[in-house]
Amino acid sequence: MKYSISEVAQKLNLTVYTLRYYDKEGLMPFVERTPNGTRLFKESDIDALKVIECLKSTGMPIKEIKKFIDWCSDGDSTLQQRYDMFLERKAAVEAQVEELKQTMKLIDHKCEYYKTALKAGTENIHKDNKIGNI
């Protein structure tokens, strides 16, 4: 089955503009084109775009994603580079998760702070807390 760019955009919750940008940046060398230039996407192309979106969501720059796509095109000789890249991404995401956990602790603390202040009708119950309502 083949999909149009608008069908793929809808499937992946992206804009057609984003897909065209990815193509312009060389992230979709695998996508077929008709003689008049219309992009035709296969299921495997959609899967590749899901990987691209995953990498992008980790904060990986487009330039680095392009390098990964190039390595994929180069075949088995780049397996080690691709593996190393994913190990680096994993470490970066783990660091982001840890940072978010710390953020959540602070948010939980502030929720508890305001819950008890609301219950008491005043922040004065938190006299020891110098930063109070910040």
C-alpha atoms as a PDB file:
ATOM      1  CA  MET A   1       0.000   0.000   0.000  1.00  0.00           C
ATOM      2  CA  LYS A   2       1.214   3.517  -0.815  1.00  0.00           C
ATOM      3  CA  TYR A   3       0.311   6.731   0.980  1.00  0.00           C
ATOM      4  CA  SER A   4       0.307  10.380  -0.060  1.00  0.00           C
ATOM      5  CA  ILE A   5       2.190  12.999   1.926  1.00  0.00           C
ATOM      6  CA  SER A   6      -1.065  14.295   3.424  1.00  0.00           C
ATOM      7  CA  GLU A   7      -2.100  10.777   4.507  1.00  0.00           C
ATOM      8  CA  VAL A   8       1.296  10.257   6.170  1.00  0.00           C
ATOM      9  CA  ALA A   9       1.104  13.665   7.832  1.00  0.00           C
ATOM     10  CA  GLN A  10      -2.290  12.755   9.262  1.00  0.00           C
ATOM     11  CA  LYS A  11      -1.136   9.286  10.367  1.00  0.00           C
ATOM     12  CA  LEU A  12       1.874  10.711  12.213  1.00  0.00           C
ATOM     13  CA  ASN A  13       0.183  13.878  13.444  1.00  0.00           C
ATOM     14  CA  LEU A  14       2.676  16.021  11.536  1.00  0.00           C
ATOM     15  CA  THR A  15       2.209  18.768   9.004  1.00  0.00           C
ATOM     16  CA  VAL A  16       2.821  18.331   5.304  1.00  0.00           C
ATOM     17  CA  TYR A  17       5.262  21.224   5.687  1.00  0.00           C
ATOM     18  CA  THR A  18       7.268  19.216   8.268  1.00  0.00           C
ATOM     19  CA  LEU A  19       7.489  16.219   5.949  1.00  0.00           C
ATOM     20  CA  ARG A  20       8.602  18.422   3.074  1.00  0.00           C
ATOM     21  CA  TYR A  21      11.212  19.987   5.347  1.00  0.00           C
ATOM     22  CA  TYR A  22      12.487  16.534   6.353  1.00  0.00           C
ATOM     23  CA  ASP A  23      12.735  15.640   2.679  1.00  0.00           C
ATOM     24  CA  LYS A  24      14.596  18.876   1.885  1.00  0.00           C
ATOM     25  CA  GLU A  25      17.033  18.147   4.736  1.00  0.00           C
ATOM     26  CA  GLY A  26      17.764  14.676   3.329  1.00  0.00           C
ATOM     27  CA  LEU A  27      15.968  12.674   6.016  1.00  0.00           C
ATOM     28  CA  MET A  28      13.784  10.784   3.535  1.00  0.00           C
ATOM     29  CA  PRO A  29      16.002   9.489   0.723  1.00  0.00           C
ATOM     30  CA  PHE A  30      14.004   6.254   0.826  1.00  0.00           C
ATOM     31  CA  VAL A  31      10.699   7.811  -0.303  1.00  0.00           C
ATOM     32  CA  GLU A  32       9.665   7.027  -3.874  1.00  0.00           C
ATOM     33  CA  ARG A  33       8.510   9.714  -6.256  1.00  0.00           C
ATOM     34  CA  THR A  34       6.237   9.495  -9.249  1.00  0.00           C
ATOM     35  CA  PRO A  35       7.509  10.897 -12.574  1.00  0.00           C
ATOM     36  CA  ASN A  36       5.768  14.200 -11.741  1.00  0.00           C
ATOM     37  CA  GLY A  37       7.507  14.379  -8.315  1.00  0.00           C
ATOM     38  CA  THR A  38       4.682  13.292  -6.017  1.00  0.00           C
ATOM     39  CA  ARG A  39       5.993  11.459  -2.954  1.00  0.00           C
ATOM     40  CA  LEU A  40       4.698   7.931  -2.404  1.00  0.00           C
ATOM     41  CA  PHE A  41       5.187   6.504   1.074  1.00  0.00           C
ATOM     42  CA  LYS A  42       5.302   2.812   1.972  1.00  0.00           C
ATOM     43  CA  GLU A  43       4.630   1.384   5.415  1.00  0.00           C
ATOM     44  CA  SER A  44       8.405   1.035   5.963  1.00  0.00           C
ATOM     45  CA  ASP A  45       8.811   4.759   5.189  1.00  0.00           C
ATOM     46  CA  ILE A  46       6.262   5.553   7.894  1.00  0.00           C
ATOM     47  CA  ASP A  47       8.205   3.355  10.321  1.00  0.00           C
ATOM     48  CA  ALA A  48      11.404   5.246   9.445  1.00  0.00           C
ATOM     49  CA  LEU A  49       9.616   8.544  10.044  1.00  0.00           C
ATOM     50  CA  LYS A  50       8.537   7.289  13.467  1.00  0.00           C
ATOM     51  CA  VAL A  51      12.220   6.709  14.312  1.00  0.00           C
ATOM     52  CA  ILE A  52      13.056  10.204  13.045  1.00  0.00           C
ATOM     53  CA  GLU A  53      10.311  11.677  15.239  1.00  0.00           C
ATOM     54  CA  CYS A  54      11.558   9.650  18.204  1.00  0.00           C
ATOM     55  CA  LEU A  55      15.105  10.950  17.773  1.00  0.00           C
ATOM     56  CA  LYS A  56      13.827  14.491  17.321  1.00  0.00           C
ATOM     57  CA  SER A  57      11.813  14.208  20.545  1.00  0.00           C
ATOM     58  CA  THR A  58      15.032  13.432  22.427  1.00  0.00           C
ATOM     59  CA  GLY A  59      16.465  16.757  21.310  1.00  0.00           C
ATOM     60  CA  MET A  60      18.700  15.316  18.619  1.00  0.00           C
ATOM     61  CA  PRO A  61      19.478  17.968  15.981  1.00  0.00           C
ATOM     62  CA  ILE A  62      18.320  17.399  12.393  1.00  0.00           C
ATOM     63  CA  LYS A  63      21.982  17.330  11.294  1.00  0.00           C
ATOM     64  CA  GLU A  64      22.647  14.351  13.583  1.00  0.00           C
ATOM     65  CA  ILE A  65      19.466  12.590  12.471  1.00  0.00           C
ATOM     66  CA  LYS A  66      20.658  13.044   8.883  1.00  0.00           C
ATOM     67  CA  LYS A  67      23.940  11.387   9.818  1.00  0.00           C
ATOM     68  CA  PHE A  68      21.961   8.435  11.212  1.00  0.00           C
ATOM     69  CA  ILE A  69      19.897   8.197   8.006  1.00  0.00           C
ATOM     70  CA  ASP A  70      23.118   8.246   5.977  1.00  0.00           C
ATOM     71  CA  TRP A  71      24.561   5.479   8.143  1.00  0.00           C
ATOM     72  CA  CYS A  72      21.441   3.402   7.548  1.00  0.00           C
ATOM     73  CA  SER A  73      21.911   3.877   3.815  1.00  0.00           C
ATOM     74  CA  ASP A  74      25.552   2.816   4.145  1.00  0.00           C
ATOM     75  CA  GLY A  75      24.495  -0.576   5.509  1.00  0.00           C
ATOM     76  CA  ASP A  76      26.172  -2.986   7.895  1.00  0.00           C
ATOM     77  CA  SER A  77      29.507  -1.161   7.937  1.00  0.00           C
ATOM     78  CA  THR A  78      27.892   1.476  10.188  1.00  0.00           C
ATOM     79  CA  LEU A  79      26.192  -0.805  12.700  1.00  0.00           C
ATOM     80  CA  GLN A  80      28.634   0.184  15.460  1.00  0.00           C
ATOM     81  CA  GLN A  81      28.097   3.918  14.859  1.00  0.00           C
ATOM     82  CA  ARG A  82      24.326   3.478  14.951  1.00  0.00           C
ATOM     83  CA  TYR A  83      24.513   1.394  18.119  1.00  0.00           C
ATOM     84  CA  ASP A  84      26.781   3.971  19.789  1.00  0.00           C
ATOM     85  CA  MET A  85      24.441   6.767  18.729  1.00  0.00           C
ATOM     86  CA  PHE A  86      21.472   5.036  20.352  1.00  0.00           C
ATOM     87  CA  LEU A  87      23.476   4.422  23.528  1.00  0.00           C
ATOM     88  CA  GLU A  88      24.217   8.163  23.635  1.00  0.00           C
ATOM     89  CA  ARG A  89      20.542   8.987  23.051  1.00  0.00           C
ATOM     90  CA  LYS A  90      19.554   6.567  25.798  1.00  0.00           C
ATOM     91  CA  ALA A  91      21.915   8.270  28.254  1.00  0.00           C
ATOM     92  CA  ALA A  92      20.579  11.699  27.263  1.00  0.00           C
ATOM     93  CA  VAL A  93      16.972  10.578  27.744  1.00  0.00           C
ATOM     94  CA  GLU A  94      17.797   8.971  31.093  1.00  0.00           C
ATOM     95  CA  ALA A  95      19.290  12.294  32.201  1.00  0.00           C
ATOM     96  CA  GLN A  96      16.136  14.105  31.025  1.00  0.00           C
ATOM     97  CA  VAL A  97      13.964  11.637  32.936  1.00  0.00           C
ATOM     98  CA  GLU A  98      16.022  12.197  36.097  1.00  0.00           C
ATOM     99  CA  GLU A  99      15.723  15.947  35.698  1.00  0.00           C
ATOM    100  CA  LEU A 100      11.960  15.613  35.240  1.00  0.00           C
ATOM    101  CA  LYS A 101      11.766  13.464  38.391  1.00  0.00           C
ATOM    102  CA  GLN A 102      13.457  16.241  40.353  1.00  0.00           C
ATOM    103  CA  THR A 103      11.081  18.766  38.839  1.00  0.00           C
ATOM    104  CA  MET A 104       8.140  16.570  39.807  1.00  0.00           C
ATOM    105  CA  LYS A 105       9.390  16.395  43.412  1.00  0.00           C
ATOM    106  CA  LEU A 106       9.358  20.177  43.617  1.00  0.00           C
ATOM    107  CA  ILE A 107       5.919  20.372  42.018  1.00  0.00           C
ATOM    108  CA  ASP A 108       4.587  17.728  44.421  1.00  0.00           C
ATOM    109  CA  HIS A 109       6.041  19.683  47.337  1.00  0.00           C
ATOM    110  CA  LYS A 110       4.401  22.915  46.164  1.00  0.00           C
ATOM    111  CA  CYS A 111       1.065  21.126  45.620  1.00  0.00           C
ATOM    112  CA  GLU A 112       1.219  19.871  49.200  1.00  0.00           C
ATOM    113  CA  TYR A 113       2.230  23.325  50.430  1.00  0.00           C
ATOM    114  CA  TYR A 114      -0.741  25.013  48.774  1.00  0.00           C
ATOM    115  CA  LYS A 115      -3.130  22.224  49.716  1.00  0.00           C
ATOM    116  CA  THR A 116      -2.347  22.668  53.417  1.00  0.00           C
ATOM    117  CA  ALA A 117      -2.391  26.473  53.098  1.00  0.00           C
ATOM    118  CA  LEU A 118      -5.793  26.336  51.408  1.00  0.00           C
ATOM    119  CA  LYS A 119      -7.098  23.982  54.071  1.00  0.00           C
ATOM    120  CA  ALA A 120      -5.918  26.377  56.796  1.00  0.00           C
ATOM    121  CA  GLY A 121      -6.990  29.451  54.855  1.00  0.00           C
ATOM    122  CA  THR A 122      -3.530  31.007  55.193  1.00  0.00           C
ATOM    123  CA  GLU A 123       0.117  30.520  54.326  1.00  0.00           C
ATOM    124  CA  ASN A 124       1.095  31.483  57.844  1.00  0.00           C
ATOM    125  CA  ILE A 125       1.067  27.820  58.803  1.00  0.00           C
ATOM    126  CA  HIS A 126       4.272  27.598  56.767  1.00  0.00           C
ATOM    127  CA  LYS A 127       6.164  30.228  58.791  1.00  0.00           C
ATOM    128  CA  ASP A 128       9.443  28.322  58.453  1.00  0.00           C
ATOM    129  CA  ASN A 129       9.196  28.398  54.683  1.00  0.00           C
ATOM    130  CA  LYS A 130      11.025  31.596  53.715  1.00  0.00           C
ATOM    131  CA  ILE A 131      10.043  31.462  50.043  1.00  0.00           C
ATOM    132  CA  GLY A 132       6.391  30.783  50.821  1.00  0.00           C
ATOM    133  CA  ASN A 133       4.216  31.558  47.850  1.00  0.00           C
ATOM    134  CA  ILE A 134       6.953  31.646  45.224  1.00  0.00           C
END
